[in-house]
């Protein structure tokens, strides 16, 4: 199939009327939709600015007129309406606790307070007592002093100078000493029971 002058005129007319490439291909016959699109681009007809295309497009909102800086200062800003902290249960969905918490991978600058840590009721009282006793006997190692045989349980705020690692001998196959293993690796059922 070749693009004769008559076929090109039909293409231009139908394209200007807002017809689709498929409709034009069907009208011309012996030509594909992609061939019509290619010819439209080669002819430079790709931007439709006719009434047919404008009717299909949604009207765009006009930008607000620019107000000079002096006029802005003279016009008082309307005060925002007070926002209720109580949710409207009829229209607003309940906010889940996970939506309020900061993301886990959030970086906290040095010297800033740490986010809330797991509460003491999530750790068994026996394990807490054992950890408190062990931390009194800890070797208080720095990061560079750790080996595969020393407990790697961190204690304190890493942004401060009094941060250290436990350093006691590890429980076989674990990265922590026996007391810290009791806190780090709790059975799921025990954690569930304490939350109730």
N, C-alpha and C. Protein backbone atom coordinates (compact mmCIF):
# COMPACT_ATOMS: atom_id res chain seq x y z
N UNK A 1 0.84 -1.17 0.00
CA UNK A 1 0.00 0.00 0.00
C UNK A 1 0.88 1.23 0.00
N UNK A 2 0.53 2.20 -0.81
CA UNK A 2 1.31 3.44 -0.84
C UNK A 2 0.41 4.58 -0.40
N UNK A 3 1.04 5.62 0.13
CA UNK A 3 0.29 6.79 0.58
C UNK A 3 0.12 7.74 -0.59
N UNK A 4 -1.03 7.66 -1.24
CA UNK A 4 -1.34 8.57 -2.35
C UNK A 4 -1.80 9.89 -1.76
N UNK A 5 -1.87 10.89 -2.63
CA UNK A 5 -2.31 12.22 -2.17
C UNK A 5 -3.74 12.15 -1.64
N UNK A 6 -4.61 11.35 -2.29
CA UNK A 6 -5.99 11.23 -1.84
C UNK A 6 -6.07 10.60 -0.44
N UNK A 7 -5.30 9.54 -0.25
CA UNK A 7 -5.29 8.84 1.06
C UNK A 7 -4.75 9.75 2.16
N UNK A 8 -3.72 10.53 1.83
CA UNK A 8 -3.14 11.45 2.81
C UNK A 8 -4.16 12.52 3.19
N UNK A 9 -4.94 13.01 2.20
CA UNK A 9 -5.97 14.03 2.47
C UNK A 9 -7.06 13.46 3.38
N UNK A 10 -7.47 12.22 3.12
CA UNK A 10 -8.48 11.57 3.97
C UNK A 10 -7.93 11.43 5.40
N UNK A 11 -6.67 11.02 5.49
CA UNK A 11 -6.02 10.87 6.80
C UNK A 11 -6.02 12.20 7.55
N UNK A 12 -5.60 13.29 6.88
CA UNK A 12 -5.54 14.61 7.51
C UNK A 12 -6.93 15.06 7.96
N UNK A 13 -7.94 14.85 7.10
CA UNK A 13 -9.30 15.27 7.42
C UNK A 13 -9.83 14.52 8.64
N UNK A 14 -9.70 13.18 8.63
CA UNK A 14 -10.22 12.36 9.73
C UNK A 14 -9.45 12.63 11.03
N UNK A 15 -8.15 12.83 10.91
CA UNK A 15 -7.34 13.11 12.10
C UNK A 15 -7.75 14.46 12.70
N UNK A 16 -7.99 15.42 11.85
CA UNK A 16 -8.43 16.74 12.30
C UNK A 16 -9.80 16.70 12.96
N UNK A 17 -10.65 15.75 12.55
CA UNK A 17 -11.98 15.60 13.14
C UNK A 17 -11.92 14.86 14.47
N UNK A 18 -10.76 14.36 14.82
CA UNK A 18 -10.62 13.66 16.10
C UNK A 18 -10.84 12.17 16.02
N UNK A 19 -10.85 11.61 14.80
CA UNK A 19 -11.03 10.17 14.64
C UNK A 19 -9.78 9.44 15.16
N UNK A 20 -9.96 8.23 15.67
CA UNK A 20 -8.82 7.45 16.16
C UNK A 20 -8.05 6.84 15.00
N UNK A 21 -6.82 6.43 15.29
CA UNK A 21 -5.98 5.80 14.26
C UNK A 21 -6.62 4.52 13.75
N UNK A 22 -7.30 3.78 14.61
CA UNK A 22 -7.98 2.54 14.19
C UNK A 22 -9.12 2.84 13.24
N UNK A 23 -9.88 3.89 13.53
CA UNK A 23 -11.00 4.26 12.66
C UNK A 23 -10.49 4.70 11.29
N UNK A 24 -9.39 5.46 11.29
CA UNK A 24 -8.82 5.93 10.03
C UNK A 24 -8.30 4.74 9.21
N UNK A 25 -7.64 3.79 9.88
CA UNK A 25 -7.10 2.61 9.19
C UNK A 25 -8.24 1.81 8.57
N UNK A 26 -9.34 1.67 9.29
CA UNK A 26 -10.49 0.92 8.78
C UNK A 26 -11.09 1.63 7.56
N UNK A 27 -11.19 2.95 7.61
CA UNK A 27 -11.74 3.74 6.50
C UNK A 27 -10.86 3.65 5.26
N UNK A 28 -9.55 3.75 5.46
CA UNK A 28 -8.63 3.70 4.32
C UNK A 28 -8.52 2.30 3.73
N UNK A 29 -8.54 1.30 4.60
CA UNK A 29 -8.41 -0.09 4.14
C UNK A 29 -6.99 -0.41 3.69
N UNK A 30 -6.53 -1.62 3.99
CA UNK A 30 -5.20 -2.06 3.58
C UNK A 30 -4.07 -1.38 4.32
N UNK A 31 -4.38 -0.78 5.46
CA UNK A 31 -3.36 -0.11 6.25
C UNK A 31 -3.65 -0.39 7.74
N UNK A 32 -2.59 -0.52 8.50
CA UNK A 32 -2.75 -0.82 9.93
C UNK A 32 -2.84 0.47 10.74
N UNK A 33 -3.29 0.32 11.96
CA UNK A 33 -3.36 1.44 12.90
C UNK A 33 -1.99 2.05 13.10
N UNK A 34 -0.95 1.20 13.25
CA UNK A 34 0.42 1.69 13.46
C UNK A 34 0.94 2.45 12.25
N UNK A 35 0.53 2.03 11.05
CA UNK A 35 0.95 2.75 9.85
C UNK A 35 0.34 4.15 9.83
N UNK A 36 -0.93 4.25 10.27
CA UNK A 36 -1.59 5.56 10.34
C UNK A 36 -0.87 6.45 11.35
N UNK A 37 -0.55 5.91 12.52
CA UNK A 37 0.16 6.68 13.55
C UNK A 37 1.51 7.15 13.03
N UNK A 38 2.24 6.28 12.35
CA UNK A 38 3.54 6.65 11.80
C UNK A 38 3.42 7.78 10.79
N UNK A 39 2.41 7.69 9.91
CA UNK A 39 2.22 8.73 8.89
C UNK A 39 1.83 10.06 9.54
N UNK A 40 0.99 9.98 10.58
CA UNK A 40 0.58 11.20 11.30
C UNK A 40 1.81 11.90 11.88
N UNK A 41 2.72 11.14 12.45
CA UNK A 41 3.93 11.73 13.03
C UNK A 41 4.84 12.29 11.94
N UNK A 42 4.97 11.59 10.84
CA UNK A 42 5.82 12.09 9.76
C UNK A 42 5.27 13.36 9.15
N UNK A 43 3.94 13.48 9.14
CA UNK A 43 3.31 14.69 8.60
C UNK A 43 3.28 15.82 9.63
N UNK A 44 3.63 15.51 10.86
CA UNK A 44 3.62 16.53 11.91
C UNK A 44 2.23 16.85 12.42
N UNK A 45 1.33 15.89 12.35
CA UNK A 45 -0.06 16.10 12.78
C UNK A 45 -0.33 15.57 14.18
N UNK A 46 0.69 15.23 14.94
CA UNK A 46 0.47 14.51 16.19
C UNK A 46 -0.28 15.32 17.24
N UNK A 47 -0.19 16.65 17.23
CA UNK A 47 -0.92 17.45 18.21
C UNK A 47 -2.26 17.85 17.65
N UNK A 48 -3.31 17.38 18.28
CA UNK A 48 -4.66 17.70 17.82
C UNK A 48 -5.12 18.97 18.54
N UNK A 49 -5.50 19.96 17.78
CA UNK A 49 -5.99 21.21 18.37
C UNK A 49 -7.33 21.58 17.76
N UNK A 50 -8.14 20.58 17.44
CA UNK A 50 -9.43 20.84 16.81
C UNK A 50 -10.53 20.77 17.84
N UNK A 51 -11.72 21.11 17.43
CA UNK A 51 -12.87 21.11 18.34
C UNK A 51 -13.19 19.70 18.82
N UNK A 52 -12.98 18.70 17.96
CA UNK A 52 -13.28 17.32 18.34
C UNK A 52 -12.42 16.86 19.50
N UNK A 53 -11.14 17.16 19.44
CA UNK A 53 -10.23 16.75 20.52
C UNK A 53 -10.45 17.60 21.75
N UNK A 54 -10.77 18.88 21.56
CA UNK A 54 -10.98 19.77 22.70
C UNK A 54 -12.23 19.38 23.47
N UNK A 55 -13.25 18.86 22.77
CA UNK A 55 -14.47 18.45 23.45
C UNK A 55 -14.23 17.25 24.33
N UNK A 56 -13.30 16.38 23.92
CA UNK A 56 -13.00 15.19 24.70
C UNK A 56 -12.18 15.52 25.94
N UNK A 57 -11.30 16.53 25.84
CA UNK A 57 -10.42 16.87 26.95
C UNK A 57 -11.21 17.63 28.02
N UNK A 58 -10.82 17.43 29.28
CA UNK A 58 -11.46 18.14 30.38
C UNK A 58 -10.91 19.56 30.43
N UNK A 59 -11.75 20.51 30.78
CA UNK A 59 -11.24 21.88 30.88
C UNK A 59 -10.26 22.00 32.04
N UNK A 60 -9.19 22.73 31.79
CA UNK A 60 -8.17 22.91 32.83
C UNK A 60 -8.54 24.11 33.69
N UNK A 61 -8.25 24.03 34.99
CA UNK A 61 -8.52 25.14 35.89
C UNK A 61 -7.48 26.23 35.66
N UNK A 62 -7.96 27.47 35.66
CA UNK A 62 -7.04 28.58 35.46
C UNK A 62 -6.29 28.84 36.75
N UNK A 63 -4.99 29.17 36.67
CA UNK A 63 -4.25 29.46 37.89
C UNK A 63 -4.75 30.76 38.50
N UNK A 64 -4.63 30.88 39.82
CA UNK A 64 -5.07 32.08 40.53
C UNK A 64 -4.20 33.25 40.11
N UNK A 65 -4.81 34.43 39.99
CA UNK A 65 -4.01 35.60 39.59
C UNK A 65 -2.98 35.93 40.65
N UNK A 66 -1.82 36.42 40.18
CA UNK A 66 -0.73 36.79 41.08
C UNK A 66 -1.10 38.06 41.83
N UNK A 67 -0.90 38.05 43.14
CA UNK A 67 -1.17 39.22 43.96
C UNK A 67 0.17 39.82 44.35
N UNK A 68 0.36 41.13 44.17
CA UNK A 68 1.63 41.75 44.55
C UNK A 68 1.90 41.55 46.04
N UNK A 69 3.20 41.54 46.41
CA UNK A 69 3.60 41.29 47.80
C UNK A 69 3.01 42.33 48.74
N UNK A 70 2.92 43.61 48.33
CA UNK A 70 2.37 44.65 49.19
C UNK A 70 0.89 44.39 49.46
N UNK A 71 0.17 43.95 48.45
CA UNK A 71 -1.25 43.67 48.62
C UNK A 71 -1.47 42.48 49.53
N UNK A 72 -0.57 41.48 49.45
CA UNK A 72 -0.68 40.31 50.32
C UNK A 72 -0.56 40.70 51.78
N UNK A 73 0.36 41.61 52.09
CA UNK A 73 0.58 42.02 53.48
C UNK A 73 -0.63 42.75 54.03
N UNK A 74 -1.35 43.49 53.19
CA UNK A 74 -2.49 44.27 53.65
C UNK A 74 -3.72 43.41 53.90
N UNK A 75 -3.85 42.29 53.19
CA UNK A 75 -5.02 41.43 53.32
C UNK A 75 -4.76 40.43 54.44
N UNK A 76 -5.60 40.43 55.49
CA UNK A 76 -5.38 39.47 56.58
C UNK A 76 -5.74 38.05 56.13
N UNK A 77 -4.95 37.12 56.58
CA UNK A 77 -5.18 35.70 56.27
C UNK A 77 -6.36 35.21 57.09
N UNK A 78 -7.26 34.43 56.52
CA UNK A 78 -8.35 33.87 57.33
C UNK A 78 -7.77 32.83 58.29
N UNK A 79 -8.31 32.84 59.51
CA UNK A 79 -7.82 31.89 60.51
C UNK A 79 -8.33 30.50 60.17
N UNK A 80 -7.46 29.48 60.31
CA UNK A 80 -7.92 28.12 60.03
C UNK A 80 -8.93 27.67 61.08
N UNK A 81 -9.84 26.82 60.63
CA UNK A 81 -10.85 26.30 61.55
C UNK A 81 -10.19 25.35 62.52
N UNK A 82 -10.65 25.34 63.78
CA UNK A 82 -10.05 24.42 64.75
C UNK A 82 -10.30 22.98 64.33
N UNK A 83 -9.30 22.16 64.50
CA UNK A 83 -9.40 20.76 64.10
C UNK A 83 -9.69 19.93 65.34
N UNK A 84 -10.70 19.11 65.24
CA UNK A 84 -11.04 18.24 66.35
C UNK A 84 -10.08 17.07 66.40
N UNK A 85 -9.65 16.73 67.61
CA UNK A 85 -8.74 15.59 67.76
C UNK A 85 -9.51 14.28 67.87
N UNK A 86 -10.82 14.38 68.11
CA UNK A 86 -11.64 13.17 68.19
C UNK A 86 -12.05 12.76 66.79
N UNK A 87 -11.89 11.48 66.44
CA UNK A 87 -12.31 11.06 65.10
C UNK A 87 -13.83 11.01 65.00
N UNK A 88 -14.35 11.37 63.85
CA UNK A 88 -15.76 11.25 63.57
C UNK A 88 -15.99 9.81 63.11
N UNK A 89 -16.52 9.01 64.00
CA UNK A 89 -16.64 7.58 63.73
C UNK A 89 -17.58 7.28 62.56
N UNK A 90 -18.45 8.23 62.22
CA UNK A 90 -19.37 7.99 61.12
C UNK A 90 -18.65 8.09 59.77
N UNK A 91 -17.67 9.00 59.68
CA UNK A 91 -17.03 9.22 58.39
C UNK A 91 -15.56 8.82 58.35
N UNK A 92 -14.84 8.90 59.47
CA UNK A 92 -13.40 8.61 59.46
C UNK A 92 -13.13 7.18 59.90
N UNK A 93 -12.26 6.47 59.20
CA UNK A 93 -11.89 5.13 59.65
C UNK A 93 -10.99 5.23 60.87
N UNK A 94 -10.97 4.20 61.67
CA UNK A 94 -10.10 4.17 62.84
C UNK A 94 -8.65 4.14 62.39
N UNK A 95 -7.78 4.83 63.14
CA UNK A 95 -6.35 4.88 62.81
C UNK A 95 -5.67 3.72 63.52
N UNK A 96 -4.94 2.95 62.76
CA UNK A 96 -4.24 1.82 63.37
C UNK A 96 -3.00 2.32 64.09
N UNK A 97 -2.55 1.64 65.17
CA UNK A 97 -1.34 2.07 65.89
C UNK A 97 -0.11 2.09 65.00
N UNK A 98 -0.05 1.22 63.97
CA UNK A 98 1.12 1.20 63.10
C UNK A 98 1.23 2.46 62.27
N UNK A 99 0.10 3.16 62.04
CA UNK A 99 0.14 4.40 61.26
C UNK A 99 0.75 5.54 62.06
N UNK A 100 0.74 5.44 63.40
CA UNK A 100 1.26 6.50 64.25
C UNK A 100 2.75 6.34 64.51
N UNK A 101 3.23 5.10 64.52
CA UNK A 101 4.64 4.84 64.82
C UNK A 101 5.55 5.33 63.70
N UNK A 102 6.76 5.80 64.04
CA UNK A 102 7.71 6.16 62.99
C UNK A 102 8.25 4.90 62.32
N UNK A 103 8.68 5.00 61.06
CA UNK A 103 9.21 3.81 60.38
C UNK A 103 10.43 3.27 61.09
N UNK A 104 10.63 1.94 61.02
CA UNK A 104 11.74 1.29 61.71
C UNK A 104 13.10 1.72 61.20
N UNK A 105 13.20 2.02 59.91
CA UNK A 105 14.49 2.35 59.34
C UNK A 105 14.82 3.84 59.44
N UNK A 106 14.08 4.56 60.28
CA UNK A 106 14.31 5.99 60.45
C UNK A 106 15.65 6.21 61.15
N UNK A 107 16.45 7.13 60.62
CA UNK A 107 17.75 7.43 61.21
C UNK A 107 17.56 8.57 62.21
N UNK A 108 18.03 8.35 63.42
CA UNK A 108 17.90 9.35 64.47
C UNK A 108 19.25 10.02 64.67
N UNK A 109 19.33 11.35 64.56
CA UNK A 109 20.61 12.04 64.72
C UNK A 109 21.19 11.82 66.12
N UNK A 110 22.52 11.89 66.21
CA UNK A 110 23.21 11.69 67.49
C UNK A 110 22.72 12.72 68.50
N UNK A 111 22.55 12.27 69.72
CA UNK A 111 22.13 13.15 70.79
C UNK A 111 20.62 13.28 70.92
N UNK A 112 19.86 12.77 69.97
CA UNK A 112 18.40 12.83 70.03
C UNK A 112 17.88 11.63 70.82
N UNK A 113 16.73 11.77 71.47
CA UNK A 113 16.19 10.63 72.22
C UNK A 113 15.79 9.50 71.29
N UNK A 114 15.97 8.29 71.75
CA UNK A 114 15.60 7.11 70.97
C UNK A 114 14.09 6.92 71.00
N UNK A 115 13.52 6.25 69.97
CA UNK A 115 12.08 5.98 70.00
C UNK A 115 11.77 5.01 71.12
N UNK A 116 10.50 4.92 71.50
CA UNK A 116 10.14 4.02 72.59
C UNK A 116 10.57 2.59 72.30
N UNK A 117 11.17 1.96 73.28
CA UNK A 117 11.62 0.59 73.16
C UNK A 117 10.51 -0.34 73.64
N UNK A 118 10.62 -1.65 73.37
CA UNK A 118 9.58 -2.57 73.85
C UNK A 118 9.40 -2.43 75.35
N UNK A 119 8.16 -2.44 75.80
CA UNK A 119 7.90 -2.24 77.22
C UNK A 119 8.35 -3.45 78.01
N UNK A 120 8.55 -3.23 79.29
CA UNK A 120 9.05 -4.28 80.17
C UNK A 120 8.08 -5.45 80.27
N UNK A 121 6.77 -5.20 80.04
CA UNK A 121 5.81 -6.31 80.14
C UNK A 121 5.91 -7.26 78.96
N UNK A 122 6.69 -6.92 77.92
CA UNK A 122 6.90 -7.83 76.81
C UNK A 122 8.02 -8.82 77.10
N UNK A 123 8.83 -8.55 78.14
CA UNK A 123 9.94 -9.42 78.52
C UNK A 123 9.59 -10.00 79.88
N UNK A 124 9.82 -11.30 80.04
CA UNK A 124 9.46 -11.94 81.30
C UNK A 124 10.27 -11.33 82.46
N UNK A 125 9.67 -11.21 83.64
CA UNK A 125 10.37 -10.63 84.80
C UNK A 125 11.64 -11.41 85.16
N UNK A 126 11.58 -12.74 84.99
CA UNK A 126 12.77 -13.56 85.30
C UNK A 126 13.93 -13.20 84.38
N UNK A 127 13.61 -13.03 83.07
CA UNK A 127 14.66 -12.70 82.10
C UNK A 127 15.22 -11.31 82.38
N UNK A 128 14.37 -10.36 82.77
CA UNK A 128 14.84 -9.01 83.09
C UNK A 128 15.77 -9.01 84.29
N UNK A 129 15.40 -9.77 85.32
CA UNK A 129 16.24 -9.84 86.51
C UNK A 129 17.59 -10.44 86.17
N UNK A 130 17.56 -11.48 85.34
CA UNK A 130 18.80 -12.14 84.95
C UNK A 130 19.69 -11.19 84.14
N UNK A 131 19.09 -10.42 83.24
CA UNK A 131 19.84 -9.47 82.42
C UNK A 131 20.46 -8.40 83.30
N UNK A 132 19.70 -7.87 84.27
CA UNK A 132 20.24 -6.85 85.16
C UNK A 132 21.45 -7.35 85.93
N UNK A 133 21.39 -8.60 86.40
CA UNK A 133 22.53 -9.18 87.13
C UNK A 133 23.72 -9.38 86.20
N UNK A 134 23.46 -9.89 85.01
CA UNK A 134 24.55 -10.16 84.05
C UNK A 134 25.23 -8.86 83.64
N UNK A 135 24.46 -7.80 83.42
CA UNK A 135 25.04 -6.55 82.95
C UNK A 135 25.96 -5.92 84.00
N UNK A 136 25.77 -6.28 85.27
CA UNK A 136 26.69 -5.80 86.31
C UNK A 136 28.05 -6.50 86.18
N UNK A 137 28.03 -7.75 85.66
CA UNK A 137 29.27 -8.52 85.50
C UNK A 137 29.85 -8.41 84.09
N UNK A 138 29.18 -7.70 83.21
CA UNK A 138 29.59 -7.62 81.80
C UNK A 138 31.00 -7.05 81.66
N UNK A 139 31.64 -7.41 80.54
CA UNK A 139 33.01 -6.94 80.27
C UNK A 139 33.03 -5.55 79.65
N UNK A 140 31.92 -5.06 79.18
CA UNK A 140 31.77 -3.73 78.59
C UNK A 140 32.79 -3.50 77.47
N UNK A 141 32.64 -4.29 76.39
CA UNK A 141 33.56 -4.22 75.25
C UNK A 141 33.12 -3.19 74.22
N UNK A 142 34.08 -2.68 73.46
CA UNK A 142 33.76 -1.81 72.33
C UNK A 142 33.52 -2.69 71.10
N UNK A 143 33.08 -2.10 70.04
CA UNK A 143 32.81 -2.84 68.81
C UNK A 143 34.06 -3.56 68.30
N UNK A 144 35.21 -2.91 68.39
CA UNK A 144 36.45 -3.48 67.87
C UNK A 144 36.96 -4.64 68.72
N UNK A 145 36.49 -4.76 69.94
CA UNK A 145 36.95 -5.83 70.84
C UNK A 145 36.10 -7.10 70.73
N UNK A 146 34.99 -7.06 70.02
CA UNK A 146 34.11 -8.22 69.91
C UNK A 146 34.75 -9.33 69.07
N UNK A 147 34.47 -10.57 69.45
CA UNK A 147 34.91 -11.74 68.68
C UNK A 147 33.70 -12.65 68.51
N UNK A 148 33.88 -13.79 67.84
CA UNK A 148 32.77 -14.73 67.67
C UNK A 148 32.39 -15.40 69.00
N UNK A 149 33.25 -15.30 70.01
CA UNK A 149 32.98 -15.94 71.31
C UNK A 149 32.49 -14.96 72.37
N UNK A 150 32.27 -13.69 72.01
CA UNK A 150 31.81 -12.71 73.00
C UNK A 150 30.38 -12.28 72.68
N UNK A 151 29.61 -12.01 73.73
CA UNK A 151 28.21 -11.59 73.59
C UNK A 151 28.16 -10.22 72.92
N UNK A 152 27.33 -10.13 71.92
CA UNK A 152 27.25 -8.90 71.13
C UNK A 152 26.02 -8.06 71.48
N UNK A 153 25.49 -8.24 72.69
CA UNK A 153 24.32 -7.50 73.13
C UNK A 153 24.70 -6.04 73.39
N UNK A 154 24.08 -5.08 72.67
CA UNK A 154 24.41 -3.66 72.88
C UNK A 154 23.72 -3.11 74.13
N UNK A 155 24.41 -2.23 74.82
CA UNK A 155 23.84 -1.61 76.02
C UNK A 155 24.07 -0.11 75.94
N UNK A 156 23.00 0.67 76.07
CA UNK A 156 23.10 2.13 76.04
C UNK A 156 22.79 2.70 74.68
N UNK A 157 23.05 3.99 74.55
CA UNK A 157 22.79 4.73 73.32
C UNK A 157 24.06 4.79 72.49
N UNK A 158 24.05 4.28 71.24
CA UNK A 158 25.26 4.28 70.42
C UNK A 158 25.82 5.68 70.15
N UNK A 159 25.02 6.71 70.33
CA UNK A 159 25.48 8.08 70.08
C UNK A 159 26.25 8.66 71.26
N UNK A 160 26.32 7.93 72.37
CA UNK A 160 27.02 8.45 73.55
C UNK A 160 28.29 7.64 73.81
N UNK A 161 29.13 8.18 74.69
CA UNK A 161 30.40 7.51 75.00
C UNK A 161 30.23 6.31 75.93
N UNK A 162 29.13 6.26 76.67
CA UNK A 162 28.94 5.13 77.60
C UNK A 162 28.21 3.96 76.96
N UNK A 163 28.31 3.82 75.65
CA UNK A 163 27.73 2.69 74.92
C UNK A 163 28.74 1.55 74.92
N UNK A 164 28.27 0.30 75.13
CA UNK A 164 29.16 -0.85 75.15
C UNK A 164 28.40 -2.13 74.81
N UNK A 165 29.15 -3.20 74.60
CA UNK A 165 28.59 -4.53 74.35
C UNK A 165 28.89 -5.42 75.55
N UNK A 166 28.01 -6.38 75.81
CA UNK A 166 28.12 -7.24 76.98
C UNK A 166 29.50 -7.90 77.08
N UNK A 167 29.90 -8.68 76.09
CA UNK A 167 31.23 -9.26 76.08
C UNK A 167 31.39 -10.56 76.84
N UNK A 168 30.37 -11.06 77.53
CA UNK A 168 30.48 -12.34 78.24
C UNK A 168 30.48 -13.49 77.23
N UNK A 169 30.88 -14.70 77.64
CA UNK A 169 30.91 -15.83 76.70
C UNK A 169 29.52 -16.13 76.13
N UNK A 170 29.48 -16.42 74.83
CA UNK A 170 28.20 -16.67 74.15
C UNK A 170 27.68 -18.07 74.42
N UNK A 171 26.36 -18.23 74.29
CA UNK A 171 25.74 -19.54 74.34
C UNK A 171 26.00 -20.18 72.99
N UNK A 172 26.31 -21.47 72.95
CA UNK A 172 26.71 -22.13 71.72
C UNK A 172 25.66 -21.96 70.62
N UNK A 173 26.11 -21.49 69.44
CA UNK A 173 25.24 -21.30 68.29
C UNK A 173 24.45 -20.01 68.31
N UNK A 174 24.66 -19.16 69.30
CA UNK A 174 23.93 -17.90 69.41
C UNK A 174 24.92 -16.74 69.48
N UNK A 175 24.49 -15.51 69.16
CA UNK A 175 25.39 -14.36 69.23
C UNK A 175 25.45 -13.72 70.61
N UNK A 176 24.63 -14.22 71.57
CA UNK A 176 24.55 -13.60 72.88
C UNK A 176 24.86 -14.60 73.99
N UNK A 177 25.09 -14.04 75.19
CA UNK A 177 25.28 -14.88 76.37
C UNK A 177 23.92 -15.47 76.77
N UNK A 178 23.93 -16.35 77.76
CA UNK A 178 22.71 -17.06 78.15
C UNK A 178 21.59 -16.10 78.58
N UNK A 179 21.92 -15.08 79.34
CA UNK A 179 20.90 -14.13 79.81
C UNK A 179 20.30 -13.34 78.65
N UNK A 180 21.12 -12.88 77.74
CA UNK A 180 20.61 -12.09 76.62
C UNK A 180 19.88 -12.97 75.60
N UNK A 181 20.24 -14.24 75.49
CA UNK A 181 19.49 -15.17 74.64
C UNK A 181 18.07 -15.31 75.18
N UNK A 182 17.93 -15.32 76.53
CA UNK A 182 16.61 -15.43 77.15
C UNK A 182 15.70 -14.26 76.82
N UNK A 183 16.29 -13.09 76.55
CA UNK A 183 15.50 -11.92 76.19
C UNK A 183 15.26 -11.87 74.68
N UNK A 184 16.30 -12.17 73.91
CA UNK A 184 16.22 -12.02 72.46
C UNK A 184 15.39 -13.11 71.79
N UNK A 185 15.48 -14.33 72.26
CA UNK A 185 14.81 -15.45 71.61
C UNK A 185 13.75 -16.03 72.53
N UNK A 186 12.61 -15.35 72.63
CA UNK A 186 11.52 -15.83 73.47
C UNK A 186 10.54 -16.61 72.61
N UNK A 187 9.95 -17.66 73.16
CA UNK A 187 8.95 -18.40 72.41
C UNK A 187 7.74 -17.51 72.12
N UNK A 188 7.12 -17.68 70.97
CA UNK A 188 5.99 -16.85 70.55
C UNK A 188 4.83 -16.94 71.54
N UNK A 189 4.54 -18.13 72.06
CA UNK A 189 3.40 -18.28 72.96
C UNK A 189 3.61 -17.49 74.25
N UNK A 190 4.84 -17.42 74.76
CA UNK A 190 5.10 -16.67 75.99
C UNK A 190 4.87 -15.18 75.76
N UNK A 191 5.27 -14.66 74.61
CA UNK A 191 5.05 -13.24 74.32
C UNK A 191 3.56 -12.94 74.18
N UNK A 192 2.83 -13.85 73.53
CA UNK A 192 1.40 -13.65 73.36
C UNK A 192 0.68 -13.64 74.70
N UNK A 193 1.07 -14.55 75.61
CA UNK A 193 0.42 -14.64 76.92
C UNK A 193 0.63 -13.38 77.73
N UNK A 194 1.84 -12.78 77.68
CA UNK A 194 2.14 -11.59 78.47
C UNK A 194 1.36 -10.38 77.96
N UNK A 195 1.05 -10.31 76.67
CA UNK A 195 0.31 -9.17 76.14
C UNK A 195 -1.13 -9.18 76.61
N UNK A 196 -1.67 -10.33 76.94
CA UNK A 196 -3.06 -10.43 77.41
C UNK A 196 -3.09 -9.95 78.81
